[in-house]
Amino acid sequence: MNWDRVEGKWKQAAGKIKEKWGKLTDDDLQVIGGKRDQLIGKIQERYGIAKDEAARQVDEFSRTYGTDETTTREKMHRAGGA
């Protein structure tokens, strides 16, 4: 999933983001408002990591975000159809 989809579902994504990066506050997430660069900067600040590493983590998150939901939906669909 690309960042546009994360940004479009920001309220849902924010919960998963907070699970992954627990040092981010609700206020941080509200200010970030789905902006990738702001999320990278805030992760960099809170965790004391390089910008490249923060960007790598965000990119990995955006690739995997939603895969659990898709898998769950597929399992439910198969179970209902069986």
Protein backbone atom coordinates (compact mmCIF):
# COMPACT_ATOMS: atom_id res chain seq x y z
CA MET A 1 0.00 0.00 0.00
CA ASN A 2 1.42 3.39 -0.87
CA TRP A 3 1.52 6.48 1.32
CA ASP A 4 -1.49 8.07 -0.45
CA ARG A 5 -3.67 5.29 0.91
CA VAL A 6 -2.22 5.63 4.43
CA GLU A 7 -2.84 9.36 4.27
CA GLY A 8 -6.39 8.81 3.00
CA LYS A 9 -7.14 6.52 5.94
CA TRP A 10 -5.16 8.56 8.46
CA LYS A 11 -7.54 8.10 11.41
CA GLN A 12 -7.37 4.32 11.08
CA ALA A 13 -3.64 4.34 10.31
CA ALA A 14 -2.86 6.58 13.30
CA GLY A 15 -3.76 3.76 15.69
CA LYS A 16 -1.37 1.36 13.97
CA ILE A 17 1.29 4.07 13.85
CA LYS A 18 0.95 4.63 17.59
CA GLU A 19 1.29 0.87 18.16
CA LYS A 20 4.51 0.81 16.13
CA TRP A 21 5.98 4.07 17.40
CA GLY A 22 4.65 4.32 20.94
CA LYS A 23 6.66 7.44 21.77
CA LEU A 24 4.43 9.44 19.43
CA THR A 25 1.61 11.21 21.24
CA ASP A 26 -1.97 11.72 20.11
CA ASP A 27 -1.08 15.40 19.68
CA ASP A 28 1.86 14.43 17.45
CA LEU A 29 -0.41 12.32 15.27
CA GLN A 30 -3.00 15.07 15.04
CA VAL A 31 -0.38 17.62 13.98
CA ILE A 32 1.18 15.18 11.49
CA GLY A 33 -2.25 14.70 9.92
CA GLY A 34 -1.08 12.11 7.41
CA LYS A 35 1.94 14.03 6.13
CA ARG A 36 4.76 11.55 5.49
CA ASP A 37 7.61 14.05 5.92
CA GLN A 38 6.22 15.25 9.23
CA LEU A 39 5.89 11.68 10.48
CA ILE A 40 9.49 10.97 9.51
CA GLY A 41 10.66 14.11 11.31
CA LYS A 42 8.72 13.29 14.46
CA ILE A 43 10.02 9.70 14.54
CA GLN A 44 13.53 11.05 14.05
CA GLU A 45 13.04 13.47 16.95
CA ARG A 46 11.38 11.05 19.38
CA TYR A 47 13.68 8.09 18.72
CA GLY A 48 16.95 9.92 18.01
CA ILE A 49 17.53 8.14 14.71
CA ALA A 50 18.79 9.35 11.35
CA LYS A 51 16.35 10.70 8.79
CA ASP A 52 17.20 7.87 6.37
CA GLU A 53 16.37 5.25 9.00
CA ALA A 54 13.11 6.96 9.95
CA ALA A 55 12.17 7.16 6.26
CA ARG A 56 12.99 3.47 5.80
CA GLN A 57 10.74 2.55 8.73
CA VAL A 58 7.88 4.69 7.43
CA ASP A 59 8.24 3.23 3.94
CA GLU A 60 8.17 -0.30 5.37
CA PHE A 61 5.06 0.59 7.38
CA SER A 62 3.32 2.00 4.31
CA ARG A 63 4.10 -1.18 2.34
CA THR A 64 2.69 -3.44 5.04
CA TYR A 65 -0.18 -1.26 6.30
CA GLY A 66 -3.49 -2.89 5.53
CA THR A 67 -2.14 -6.36 4.83
CA ASP A 68 -3.51 -7.69 8.14
CA GLU A 69 -6.93 -6.26 7.32
CA THR A 70 -6.88 -7.80 3.85
CA THR A 71 -5.82 -11.18 5.21
CA THR A 72 -8.58 -11.10 7.83
CA ARG A 73 -11.20 -10.18 5.22
CA GLU A 74 -10.02 -12.97 2.91
CA LYS A 75 -10.17 -15.52 5.74
CA MET A 76 -13.67 -14.40 6.71
CA HIS A 77 -14.80 -14.58 3.09
CA ARG A 78 -13.40 -18.08 2.64
CA ALA A 79 -14.94 -19.27 5.90
CA GLY A 80 -18.33 -17.88 4.88
CA GLY A 81 -18.11 -19.43 1.45
CA ALA A 82 -17.03 -22.86 2.67
